[in-house]
Amino acid sequence: GRIHIPIAPKCNIQCGFCTRKITDKE
């Protein structure tokens, strides 16, 4: 297994295919 730690909310680029979400079940 692996553990992804959600500790990094900020992003310095906007990709055309990216939509970041919190409290979402996607």
mmCIF file of all heavy atoms, coordinates in Angstrom:
data_MODEL
# 
_entry.id   MODEL 
# 
loop_
_atom_site.group_PDB 
_atom_site.id 
_atom_site.type_symbol 
_atom_site.label_atom_id 
_atom_site.label_alt_id 
_atom_site.label_comp_id 
_atom_site.label_asym_id 
_atom_site.label_entity_id 
_atom_site.label_seq_id 
_atom_site.pdbx_PDB_ins_code 
_atom_site.Cartn_x 
_atom_site.Cartn_y 
_atom_site.Cartn_z 
_atom_site.occupancy 
_atom_site.B_iso_or_equiv 
_atom_site.pdbx_formal_charge 
_atom_site.auth_seq_id 
_atom_site.auth_comp_id 
_atom_site.auth_asym_id 
_atom_site.auth_atom_id 
_atom_site.pdbx_PDB_model_num 
ATOM 1   N N   . GLY A 1 1  ? 0.776   -1.228 0.000   1.00 0.00 ? 1  GLY A N   1 
ATOM 2   C CA  . GLY A 1 1  ? 0.000   0.000  0.000   1.00 0.00 ? 1  GLY A CA  1 
ATOM 3   C C   . GLY A 1 1  ? 0.804   1.272  0.000   1.00 0.00 ? 1  GLY A C   1 
ATOM 4   O O   . GLY A 1 1  ? 2.020   1.287  0.177   1.00 0.00 ? 1  GLY A O   1 
ATOM 5   N N   . ARG A 1 2  ? 0.044   2.347  -0.193  1.00 0.00 ? 2  ARG A N   1 
ATOM 6   C CA  . ARG A 1 2  ? 0.609   3.695  -0.135  1.00 0.00 ? 2  ARG A CA  1 
ATOM 7   C C   . ARG A 1 2  ? -0.357  4.588  0.638   1.00 0.00 ? 2  ARG A C   1 
ATOM 8   O O   . ARG A 1 2  ? -1.538  4.277  0.797   1.00 0.00 ? 2  ARG A O   1 
ATOM 9   C CB  . ARG A 1 2  ? 0.874   4.257  -1.529  1.00 0.00 ? 2  ARG A CB  1 
ATOM 10  C CG  . ARG A 1 2  ? -0.259  4.789  -2.400  1.00 0.00 ? 2  ARG A CG  1 
ATOM 11  C CD  . ARG A 1 2  ? -1.507  4.116  -2.333  1.00 0.00 ? 2  ARG A CD  1 
ATOM 12  N NE  . ARG A 1 2  ? -2.556  4.502  -3.272  1.00 0.00 ? 2  ARG A NE  1 
ATOM 13  C CZ  . ARG A 1 2  ? -3.790  4.196  -3.016  1.00 0.00 ? 2  ARG A CZ  1 
ATOM 14  N NH1 . ARG A 1 2  ? -4.139  3.588  -1.900  1.00 0.00 ? 2  ARG A NH1 1 
ATOM 15  N NH2 . ARG A 1 2  ? -4.748  4.496  -3.877  1.00 0.00 ? 2  ARG A NH2 1 
ATOM 16  N N   . ILE A 1 3  ? 0.165   5.674  1.152   1.00 0.00 ? 3  ILE A N   1 
ATOM 17  C CA  . ILE A 1 3  ? -0.660  6.686  1.809   1.00 0.00 ? 3  ILE A CA  1 
ATOM 18  C C   . ILE A 1 3  ? -0.414  8.011  1.102   1.00 0.00 ? 3  ILE A C   1 
ATOM 19  O O   . ILE A 1 3  ? 0.725   8.487  1.052   1.00 0.00 ? 3  ILE A O   1 
ATOM 20  C CB  . ILE A 1 3  ? -0.309  6.843  3.305   1.00 0.00 ? 3  ILE A CB  1 
ATOM 21  C CG1 . ILE A 1 3  ? -0.369  5.509  4.031   1.00 0.00 ? 3  ILE A CG1 1 
ATOM 22  C CG2 . ILE A 1 3  ? -1.239  7.857  3.958   1.00 0.00 ? 3  ILE A CG2 1 
ATOM 23  C CD1 . ILE A 1 3  ? 0.110   5.580  5.479   1.00 0.00 ? 3  ILE A CD1 1 
ATOM 24  N N   . HIS A 1 4  ? -1.451  8.598  0.546   1.00 0.00 ? 4  HIS A N   1 
ATOM 25  C CA  . HIS A 1 4  ? -1.370  9.952  0.005   1.00 0.00 ? 4  HIS A CA  1 
ATOM 26  C C   . HIS A 1 4  ? -1.827  10.920 1.097   1.00 0.00 ? 4  HIS A C   1 
ATOM 27  O O   . HIS A 1 4  ? -2.948  10.804 1.594   1.00 0.00 ? 4  HIS A O   1 
ATOM 28  C CB  . HIS A 1 4  ? -2.278  10.117 -1.214  1.00 0.00 ? 4  HIS A CB  1 
ATOM 29  C CG  . HIS A 1 4  ? -1.763  9.457  -2.446  1.00 0.00 ? 4  HIS A CG  1 
ATOM 30  N ND1 . HIS A 1 4  ? -2.465  9.439  -3.628  1.00 0.00 ? 4  HIS A ND1 1 
ATOM 31  C CD2 . HIS A 1 4  ? -0.607  8.803  -2.702  1.00 0.00 ? 4  HIS A CD2 1 
ATOM 32  C CE1 . HIS A 1 4  ? -1.776  8.788  -4.552  1.00 0.00 ? 4  HIS A CE1 1 
ATOM 33  N NE2 . HIS A 1 4  ? -0.640  8.396  -4.002  1.00 0.00 ? 4  HIS A NE2 1 
ATOM 34  N N   . ILE A 1 5  ? -0.972  11.829 1.461   1.00 0.00 ? 5  ILE A N   1 
ATOM 35  C CA  . ILE A 1 5  ? -1.288  12.797 2.504   1.00 0.00 ? 5  ILE A CA  1 
ATOM 36  C C   . ILE A 1 5  ? -1.798  14.093 1.869   1.00 0.00 ? 5  ILE A C   1 
ATOM 37  O O   . ILE A 1 5  ? -1.060  14.760 1.143   1.00 0.00 ? 5  ILE A O   1 
ATOM 38  C CB  . ILE A 1 5  ? -0.058  13.105 3.379   1.00 0.00 ? 5  ILE A CB  1 
ATOM 39  C CG1 . ILE A 1 5  ? 0.490   11.823 4.028   1.00 0.00 ? 5  ILE A CG1 1 
ATOM 40  C CG2 . ILE A 1 5  ? -0.413  14.156 4.427   1.00 0.00 ? 5  ILE A CG2 1 
ATOM 41  C CD1 . ILE A 1 5  ? -0.453  11.160 4.981   1.00 0.00 ? 5  ILE A CD1 1 
ATOM 42  N N   . PRO A 1 6  ? -3.052  14.480 2.148   1.00 0.00 ? 6  PRO A N   1 
ATOM 43  C CA  . PRO A 1 6  ? -3.583  15.727 1.573   1.00 0.00 ? 6  PRO A CA  1 
ATOM 44  C C   . PRO A 1 6  ? -3.162  16.941 2.400   1.00 0.00 ? 6  PRO A C   1 
ATOM 45  O O   . PRO A 1 6  ? -3.901  17.442 3.247   1.00 0.00 ? 6  PRO A O   1 
ATOM 46  C CB  . PRO A 1 6  ? -5.100  15.502 1.635   1.00 0.00 ? 6  PRO A CB  1 
ATOM 47  C CG  . PRO A 1 6  ? -5.287  14.645 2.848   1.00 0.00 ? 6  PRO A CG  1 
ATOM 48  C CD  . PRO A 1 6  ? -4.078  13.751 2.920   1.00 0.00 ? 6  PRO A CD  1 
ATOM 49  N N   . ILE A 1 7  ? -1.952  17.377 2.133   1.00 0.00 ? 7  ILE A N   1 
ATOM 50  C CA  . ILE A 1 7  ? -1.376  18.454 2.942   1.00 0.00 ? 7  ILE A CA  1 
ATOM 51  C C   . ILE A 1 7  ? -1.032  19.672 2.090   1.00 0.00 ? 7  ILE A C   1 
ATOM 52  O O   . ILE A 1 7  ? -0.542  20.677 2.588   1.00 0.00 ? 7  ILE A O   1 
ATOM 53  C CB  . ILE A 1 7  ? -0.111  17.914 3.673   1.00 0.00 ? 7  ILE A CB  1 
ATOM 54  C CG1 . ILE A 1 7  ? 0.225   18.750 4.903   1.00 0.00 ? 7  ILE A CG1 1 
ATOM 55  C CG2 . ILE A 1 7  ? 1.077   17.805 2.721   1.00 0.00 ? 7  ILE A CG2 1 
ATOM 56  C CD1 . ILE A 1 7  ? 1.280   18.123 5.791   1.00 0.00 ? 7  ILE A CD1 1 
ATOM 57  N N   . ALA A 1 8  ? -1.326  19.579 0.788   1.00 0.00 ? 8  ALA A N   1 
ATOM 58  C CA  . ALA A 1 8  ? -0.863  20.596 -0.162  1.00 0.00 ? 8  ALA A CA  1 
ATOM 59  C C   . ALA A 1 8  ? -2.024  21.175 -0.974  1.00 0.00 ? 8  ALA A C   1 
ATOM 60  O O   . ALA A 1 8  ? -2.253  20.775 -2.116  1.00 0.00 ? 8  ALA A O   1 
ATOM 61  C CB  . ALA A 1 8  ? 0.181   19.980 -1.087  1.00 0.00 ? 8  ALA A CB  1 
ATOM 62  N N   . PRO A 1 9  ? -2.777  22.118 -0.429  1.00 0.00 ? 9  PRO A N   1 
ATOM 63  C CA  . PRO A 1 9  ? -3.934  22.657 -1.155  1.00 0.00 ? 9  PRO A CA  1 
ATOM 64  C C   . PRO A 1 9  ? -3.594  23.672 -2.244  1.00 0.00 ? 9  PRO A C   1 
ATOM 65  O O   . PRO A 1 9  ? -4.314  23.790 -3.240  1.00 0.00 ? 9  PRO A O   1 
ATOM 66  C CB  . PRO A 1 9  ? -4.760  23.317 -0.053  1.00 0.00 ? 9  PRO A CB  1 
ATOM 67  C CG  . PRO A 1 9  ? -3.749  23.704 0.992   1.00 0.00 ? 9  PRO A CG  1 
ATOM 68  C CD  . PRO A 1 9  ? -2.703  22.610 0.960   1.00 0.00 ? 9  PRO A CD  1 
ATOM 69  N N   . LYS A 1 10 ? -2.503  24.413 -2.060  1.00 0.00 ? 10 LYS A N   1 
ATOM 70  C CA  . LYS A 1 10 ? -2.181  25.476 -3.029  1.00 0.00 ? 10 LYS A CA  1 
ATOM 71  C C   . LYS A 1 10 ? -1.529  24.912 -4.281  1.00 0.00 ? 10 LYS A C   1 
ATOM 72  O O   . LYS A 1 10 ? -0.801  23.922 -4.232  1.00 0.00 ? 10 LYS A O   1 
ATOM 73  C CB  . LYS A 1 10 ? -1.234  26.499 -2.392  1.00 0.00 ? 10 LYS A CB  1 
ATOM 74  C CG  . LYS A 1 10 ? -1.831  27.271 -1.238  1.00 0.00 ? 10 LYS A CG  1 
ATOM 75  C CD  . LYS A 1 10 ? -0.903  28.384 -0.788  1.00 0.00 ? 10 LYS A CD  1 
ATOM 76  C CE  . LYS A 1 10 ? 0.400   27.829 -0.240  1.00 0.00 ? 10 LYS A CE  1 
ATOM 77  N NZ  . LYS A 1 10 ? 1.333   28.888 0.208   1.00 0.00 ? 10 LYS A NZ  1 
ATOM 78  N N   . CYS A 1 11 ? -1.778  25.572 -5.412  1.00 0.00 ? 11 CYS A N   1 
ATOM 79  C CA  . CYS A 1 11 ? -1.125  25.187 -6.664  1.00 0.00 ? 11 CYS A CA  1 
ATOM 80  C C   . CYS A 1 11 ? -0.722  26.435 -7.432  1.00 0.00 ? 11 CYS A C   1 
ATOM 81  O O   . CYS A 1 11 ? -1.451  27.431 -7.453  1.00 0.00 ? 11 CYS A O   1 
ATOM 82  C CB  . CYS A 1 11 ? -2.054  24.318 -7.517  1.00 0.00 ? 11 CYS A CB  1 
ATOM 83  S SG  . CYS A 1 11 ? -1.189  23.520 -8.902  1.00 0.00 ? 11 CYS A SG  1 
ATOM 84  N N   . ASN A 1 12 ? 0.444   26.369 -8.063  1.00 0.00 ? 12 ASN A N   1 
ATOM 85  C CA  . ASN A 1 12 ? 0.987   27.545 -8.756  1.00 0.00 ? 12 ASN A CA  1 
ATOM 86  C C   . ASN A 1 12 ? 0.755   27.532 -10.260 1.00 0.00 ? 12 ASN A C   1 
ATOM 87  O O   . ASN A 1 12 ? 1.252   28.413 -10.967 1.00 0.00 ? 12 ASN A O   1 
ATOM 88  C CB  . ASN A 1 12 ? 2.486   27.683 -8.456  1.00 0.00 ? 12 ASN A CB  1 
ATOM 89  C CG  . ASN A 1 12 ? 3.210   26.353 -8.524  1.00 0.00 ? 12 ASN A CG  1 
ATOM 90  O OD1 . ASN A 1 12 ? 2.742   25.398 -9.143  1.00 0.00 ? 12 ASN A OD1 1 
ATOM 91  N ND2 . ASN A 1 12 ? 4.365   26.279 -7.876  1.00 0.00 ? 12 ASN A ND2 1 
ATOM 92  N N   . ILE A 1 13 ? 0.054   26.528 -10.767 1.00 0.00 ? 13 ILE A N   1 
ATOM 93  C CA  . ILE A 1 13 ? -0.347  26.567 -12.169 1.00 0.00 ? 13 ILE A CA  1 
ATOM 94  C C   . ILE A 1 13 ? -1.801  26.152 -12.277 1.00 0.00 ? 13 ILE A C   1 
ATOM 95  O O   . ILE A 1 13 ? -2.346  25.497 -11.382 1.00 0.00 ? 13 ILE A O   1 
ATOM 96  C CB  . ILE A 1 13 ? 0.529   25.670 -13.082 1.00 0.00 ? 13 ILE A CB  1 
ATOM 97  C CG1 . ILE A 1 13 ? 0.204   24.192 -12.888 1.00 0.00 ? 13 ILE A CG1 1 
ATOM 98  C CG2 . ILE A 1 13 ? 2.008   25.920 -12.851 1.00 0.00 ? 13 ILE A CG2 1 
ATOM 99  C CD1 . ILE A 1 13 ? 0.934   23.305 -13.886 1.00 0.00 ? 13 ILE A CD1 1 
ATOM 100 N N   . GLN A 1 14 ? -2.446  26.552 -13.366 1.00 0.00 ? 14 GLN A N   1 
ATOM 101 C CA  . GLN A 1 14 ? -3.804  26.108 -13.640 1.00 0.00 ? 14 GLN A CA  1 
ATOM 102 C C   . GLN A 1 14 ? -3.801  25.341 -14.948 1.00 0.00 ? 14 GLN A C   1 
ATOM 103 O O   . GLN A 1 14 ? -3.615  25.926 -16.017 1.00 0.00 ? 14 GLN A O   1 
ATOM 104 C CB  . GLN A 1 14 ? -4.774  27.290 -13.735 1.00 0.00 ? 14 GLN A CB  1 
ATOM 105 C CG  . GLN A 1 14 ? -6.209  26.889 -14.061 1.00 0.00 ? 14 GLN A CG  1 
ATOM 106 C CD  . GLN A 1 14 ? -6.794  25.919 -13.040 1.00 0.00 ? 14 GLN A CD  1 
ATOM 107 O OE1 . GLN A 1 14 ? -6.870  26.227 -11.850 1.00 0.00 ? 14 GLN A OE1 1 
ATOM 108 N NE2 . GLN A 1 14 ? -7.216  24.734 -13.486 1.00 0.00 ? 14 GLN A NE2 1 
ATOM 109 N N   . CYS A 1 15 ? -3.955  24.030 -14.837 1.00 0.00 ? 15 CYS A N   1 
ATOM 110 C CA  . CYS A 1 15 ? -4.068  23.188 -16.027 1.00 0.00 ? 15 CYS A CA  1 
ATOM 111 C C   . CYS A 1 15 ? -5.502  23.244 -16.535 1.00 0.00 ? 15 CYS A C   1 
ATOM 112 O O   . CYS A 1 15 ? -6.450  23.305 -15.749 1.00 0.00 ? 15 CYS A O   1 
ATOM 113 C CB  . CYS A 1 15 ? -3.714  21.743 -15.702 1.00 0.00 ? 15 CYS A CB  1 
ATOM 114 S SG  . CYS A 1 15 ? -2.044  21.520 -15.072 1.00 0.00 ? 15 CYS A SG  1 
ATOM 115 N N   . GLY A 1 16 ? -5.652  23.171 -17.848 1.00 0.00 ? 16 GLY A N   1 
ATOM 116 C CA  . GLY A 1 16 ? -6.976  23.264 -18.437 1.00 0.00 ? 16 GLY A CA  1 
ATOM 117 C C   . GLY A 1 16 ? -7.890  22.113 -18.100 1.00 0.00 ? 16 GLY A C   1 
ATOM 118 O O   . GLY A 1 16 ? -9.109  22.233 -18.231 1.00 0.00 ? 16 GLY A O   1 
ATOM 119 N N   . PHE A 1 17 ? -7.321  20.988 -17.636 1.00 0.00 ? 17 PHE A N   1 
ATOM 120 C CA  . PHE A 1 17 ? -8.140  19.821 -17.321 1.00 0.00 ? 17 PHE A CA  1 
ATOM 121 C C   . PHE A 1 17 ? -8.321  19.611 -15.824 1.00 0.00 ? 17 PHE A C   1 
ATOM 122 O O   . PHE A 1 17 ? -8.906  18.611 -15.404 1.00 0.00 ? 17 PHE A O   1 
ATOM 123 C CB  . PHE A 1 17 ? -7.517  18.543 -17.913 1.00 0.00 ? 17 PHE A CB  1 
ATOM 124 C CG  . PHE A 1 17 ? -6.081  18.328 -17.539 1.00 0.00 ? 17 PHE A CG  1 
ATOM 125 C CD1 . PHE A 1 17 ? -5.725  17.896 -16.280 1.00 0.00 ? 17 PHE A CD1 1 
ATOM 126 C CD2 . PHE A 1 17 ? -5.074  18.584 -18.459 1.00 0.00 ? 17 PHE A CD2 1 
ATOM 127 C CE1 . PHE A 1 17 ? -4.396  17.723 -15.932 1.00 0.00 ? 17 PHE A CE1 1 
ATOM 128 C CE2 . PHE A 1 17 ? -3.743  18.402 -18.124 1.00 0.00 ? 17 PHE A CE2 1 
ATOM 129 C CZ  . PHE A 1 17 ? -3.406  17.962 -16.862 1.00 0.00 ? 17 PHE A CZ  1 
ATOM 130 N N   . CYS A 1 18 ? -7.834  20.530 -15.009 1.00 0.00 ? 18 CYS A N   1 
ATOM 131 C CA  . CYS A 1 18 ? -7.806  20.307 -13.565 1.00 0.00 ? 18 CYS A CA  1 
ATOM 132 C C   . CYS A 1 18 ? -8.868  21.123 -12.842 1.00 0.00 ? 18 CYS A C   1 
ATOM 133 O O   . CYS A 1 18 ? -9.009  22.326 -13.071 1.00 0.00 ? 18 CYS A O   1 
ATOM 134 C CB  . CYS A 1 18 ? -6.426  20.663 -13.001 1.00 0.00 ? 18 CYS A CB  1 
ATOM 135 S SG  . CYS A 1 18 ? -6.293  20.341 -11.225 1.00 0.00 ? 18 CYS A SG  1 
ATOM 136 N N   . THR A 1 19 ? -9.585  20.451 -11.953 1.00 0.00 ? 19 THR A N   1 
ATOM 137 C CA  . THR A 1 19 ? -10.510 21.104 -11.034 1.00 0.00 ? 19 THR A CA  1 
ATOM 138 C C   . THR A 1 19 ? -10.247 20.521 -9.653  1.00 0.00 ? 19 THR A C   1 
ATOM 139 O O   . THR A 1 19 ? -10.526 19.349 -9.406  1.00 0.00 ? 19 THR A O   1 
ATOM 140 C CB  . THR A 1 19 ? -11.981 20.848 -11.431 1.00 0.00 ? 19 THR A CB  1 
ATOM 141 O OG1 . THR A 1 19 ? -12.190 21.309 -12.760 1.00 0.00 ? 19 THR A OG1 1 
ATOM 142 C CG2 . THR A 1 19 ? -12.924 21.575 -10.493 1.00 0.00 ? 19 THR A CG2 1 
ATOM 143 N N   . ARG A 1 20 ? -9.676  21.314 -8.761  1.00 0.00 ? 20 ARG A N   1 
ATOM 144 C CA  . ARG A 1 20 ? -9.361  20.838 -7.420  1.00 0.00 ? 20 ARG A CA  1 
ATOM 145 C C   . ARG A 1 20 ? -10.581 20.996 -6.518  1.00 0.00 ? 20 ARG A C   1 
ATOM 146 O O   . ARG A 1 20 ? -11.263 22.021 -6.575  1.00 0.00 ? 20 ARG A O   1 
ATOM 147 C CB  . ARG A 1 20 ? -8.166  21.614 -6.847  1.00 0.00 ? 20 ARG A CB  1 
ATOM 148 C CG  . ARG A 1 20 ? -6.883  21.380 -7.607  1.00 0.00 ? 20 ARG A CG  1 
ATOM 149 C CD  . ARG A 1 20 ? -5.736  22.175 -7.033  1.00 0.00 ? 20 ARG A CD  1 
ATOM 150 N NE  . ARG A 1 20 ? -5.884  23.604 -7.235  1.00 0.00 ? 20 ARG A NE  1 
ATOM 151 C CZ  . ARG A 1 20 ? -5.564  24.233 -8.360  1.00 0.00 ? 20 ARG A CZ  1 
ATOM 152 N NH1 . ARG A 1 20 ? -5.096  23.566 -9.387  1.00 0.00 ? 20 ARG A NH1 1 
ATOM 153 N NH2 . ARG A 1 20 ? -5.714  25.537 -8.455  1.00 0.00 ? 20 ARG A NH2 1 
ATOM 154 N N   . LYS A 1 21 ? -10.848 20.001 -5.687  1.00 0.00 ? 21 LYS A N   1 
ATOM 155 C CA  . LYS A 1 21 ? -12.022 20.037 -4.825  1.00 0.00 ? 21 LYS A CA  1 
ATOM 156 C C   . LYS A 1 21 ? -11.714 19.471 -3.447  1.00 0.00 ? 21 LYS A C   1 
ATOM 157 O O   . LYS A 1 21 ? -10.928 18.547 -3.316  1.00 0.00 ? 21 LYS A O   1 
ATOM 158 C CB  . LYS A 1 21 ? -13.177 19.235 -5.442  1.00 0.00 ? 21 LYS A CB  1 
ATOM 159 C CG  . LYS A 1 21 ? -13.809 19.888 -6.671  1.00 0.00 ? 21 LYS A CG  1 
ATOM 160 C CD  . LYS A 1 21 ? -15.029 19.117 -7.132  1.00 0.00 ? 21 LYS A CD  1 
ATOM 161 C CE  . LYS A 1 21 ? -15.681 19.788 -8.333  1.00 0.00 ? 21 LYS A CE  1 
ATOM 162 N NZ  . LYS A 1 21 ? -16.881 19.029 -8.790  1.00 0.00 ? 21 LYS A NZ  1 
ATOM 163 N N   . ILE A 1 22 ? -12.380 20.043 -2.438  1.00 0.00 ? 22 ILE A N   1 
ATOM 164 C CA  . ILE A 1 22 ? -12.322 19.548 -1.066  1.00 0.00 ? 22 ILE A CA  1 
ATOM 165 C C   . ILE A 1 22 ? -13.729 19.068 -0.693  1.00 0.00 ? 22 ILE A C   1 
ATOM 166 O O   . ILE A 1 22 ? -14.724 19.607 -1.171  1.00 0.00 ? 22 ILE A O   1 
ATOM 167 C CB  . ILE A 1 22 ? -11.866 20.659 -0.089  1.00 0.00 ? 22 ILE A CB  1 
ATOM 168 C CG1 . ILE A 1 22 ? -10.547 21.279 -0.563  1.00 0.00 ? 22 ILE A CG1 1 
ATOM 169 C CG2 . ILE A 1 22 ? -11.744 20.118 1.334   1.00 0.00 ? 22 ILE A CG2 1 
ATOM 170 C CD1 . ILE A 1 22 ? -9.377  20.332 -0.546  1.00 0.00 ? 22 ILE A CD1 1 
ATOM 171 N N   . THR A 1 23 ? -13.806 18.063 0.216   1.00 0.00 ? 23 THR A N   1 
ATOM 172 C CA  . THR A 1 23 ? -15.065 17.454 0.645   1.00 0.00 ? 23 THR A CA  1 
ATOM 173 C C   . THR A 1 23 ? -15.906 17.031 -0.552  1.00 0.00 ? 23 THR A C   1 
ATOM 174 O O   . THR A 1 23 ? -17.068 17.374 -0.678  1.00 0.00 ? 23 THR A O   1 
ATOM 175 C CB  . THR A 1 23 ? -15.886 18.387 1.567   1.00 0.00 ? 23 THR A CB  1 
ATOM 176 O OG1 . THR A 1 23 ? -16.318 19.538 0.846   1.00 0.00 ? 23 THR A OG1 1 
ATOM 177 C CG2 . THR A 1 23 ? -15.065 18.809 2.750   1.00 0.00 ? 23 THR A CG2 1 
ATOM 178 N N   . ASP A 1 24 ? -15.302 16.305 -1.442  1.00 0.00 ? 24 ASP A N   1 
ATOM 179 C CA  . ASP A 1 24 ? -15.981 15.817 -2.637  1.00 0.00 ? 24 ASP A CA  1 
ATOM 180 C C   . ASP A 1 24 ? -15.700 14.331 -2.786  1.00 0.00 ? 24 ASP A C   1 
ATOM 181 O O   . ASP A 1 24 ? -14.644 13.856 -2.401  1.00 0.00 ? 24 ASP A O   1 
ATOM 182 C CB  . ASP A 1 24 ? -15.474 16.575 -3.875  1.00 0.00 ? 24 ASP A CB  1 
ATOM 183 C CG  . ASP A 1 24 ? -16.391 16.395 -5.062  1.00 0.00 ? 24 ASP A CG  1 
ATOM 184 O OD1 . ASP A 1 24 ? -16.342 15.311 -5.662  1.00 0.00 ? 24 ASP A OD1 1 
ATOM 185 O OD2 . ASP A 1 24 ? -17.135 17.322 -5.388  1.00 0.00 ? 24 ASP A OD2 1 
ATOM 186 N N   . LYS A 1 25 ? -16.623 13.587 -3.367  1.00 0.00 ? 25 LYS A N   1 
ATOM 187 C CA  . LYS A 1 25 ? -16.475 12.133 -3.437  1.00 0.00 ? 25 LYS A CA  1 
ATOM 188 C C   . LYS A 1 25 ? -16.011 11.629 -4.794  1.00 0.00 ? 25 LYS A C   1 
ATOM 189 O O   . LYS A 1 25 ? -16.064 10.443 -5.060  1.00 0.00 ? 25 LYS A O   1 
ATOM 190 C CB  . LYS A 1 25 ? -17.802 11.465 -3.046  1.00 0.00 ? 25 LYS A CB  1 
ATOM 191 C CG  . LYS A 1 25 ? -18.149 11.705 -1.588  1.00 0.00 ? 25 LYS A CG  1 
ATOM 192 C CD  . LYS A 1 25 ? -19.358 10.910 -1.159  1.00 0.00 ? 25 LYS A CD  1 
ATOM 193 C CE  . LYS A 1 25 ? -19.648 11.151 0.320   1.00 0.00 ? 25 LYS A CE  1 
ATOM 194 N NZ  . LYS A 1 25 ? -20.806 10.354 0.790   1.00 0.00 ? 25 LYS A NZ  1 
ATOM 195 N N   . GLU A 1 26 ? -15.550 12.497 -5.653  1.00 0.00 ? 26 GLU A N   1 
ATOM 196 C CA  . GLU A 1 26 ? -15.033 12.040 -6.947  1.00 0.00 ? 26 GLU A CA  1 
ATOM 197 C C   . GLU A 1 26 ? -13.746 11.253 -6.745  1.00 0.00 ? 26 GLU A C   1 
ATOM 198 O O   . GLU A 1 26 ? -12.901 11.614 -5.927  1.00 0.00 ? 26 GLU A O   1 
ATOM 199 C CB  . GLU A 1 26 ? -14.755 13.235 -7.862  1.00 0.00 ? 26 GLU A CB  1 
ATOM 200 C CG  . GLU A 1 26 ? -15.993 13.993 -8.297  1.00 0.00 ? 26 GLU A CG  1 
ATOM 201 C CD  . GLU A 1 26 ? -15.624 15.187 -9.152  1.00 0.00 ? 26 GLU A CD  1 
ATOM 202 O OE1 . GLU A 1 26 ? -15.081 14.975 -10.256 1.00 0.00 ? 26 GLU A OE1 1 
ATOM 203 O OE2 . GLU A 1 26 ? -15.859 16.321 -8.722  1.00 0.00 ? 26 GLU A OE2 1 
# 
